[in-house]
Amino acid sequence: MQYTIQSIATVRNNRQMIKDDHWGEIISTIELADHIQEASLKGIEDFSHLEIIFYFDKVTDDQIQYEARHPRNNHDYPEVGIFAQRGKNRPNKLGSTIVALLEVKSRGLIVKGLDAIDGTPILDIKPVMKEFLPKEDVKQPVWSIDLMKAYWG
C-alpha cells in the first residue's frame, strides 16, 4: 500500500549537515506549516517532553537499506538489520525523537535535542506521557550503548 502524508511543520536550527553525533545541545524551532492552525498547539505547554516524527528528506531512494549491515559501517559492531538500528536510511525514511519542550511560540515550539537538520519536514508532534513509556527495564545490546556514547554529548 502507498500513503500520502503532508508535513505539518519544519525544523529550523543551525545544523546544516547530517552528522551522527553531538545532538544533545541543539536548540531547534519547529515552525508550523501555513495550513496548520495555531490552536493545534493549545495545551502543549503543560508537557515537558514531546515526541517528534520527522522525514529524512535528504536520504535518496538509492540510499535505502534493506539488508543487514554494520551500524555506521563499524566492523566492531555486528551486522544487524535496519529495524535493529536507528539509522536514517530506512525504507520509509521516518525518524522519531523525544525532545525537551523549552518554549511555546505563537506558531512554533522551541525544543532541545532534536536530531534533525535545518529544513527537515515534521510529520507529527505527540506529547510524551509516562503511561506510553516502557514499564520494564529497557534491554539493548552493548554495541548500541557504545555507538550512542557521543550521540547526545
Foldseek 3Di string as FASTA:
>chain_A
DDDDFDFFWFKAWDFADQDQFAQQATKIKTFGDPVDALCVCPPVVVFFKKKWKFAQVVADLVLADQFWAAVVNDPVGDTDGPVLDQDQNHPRSMHIDMWTFDDDDSGITITGRDNDGGGIGIRDMGGDDPVPDDPDDDDHDPVVVVSHPGHND
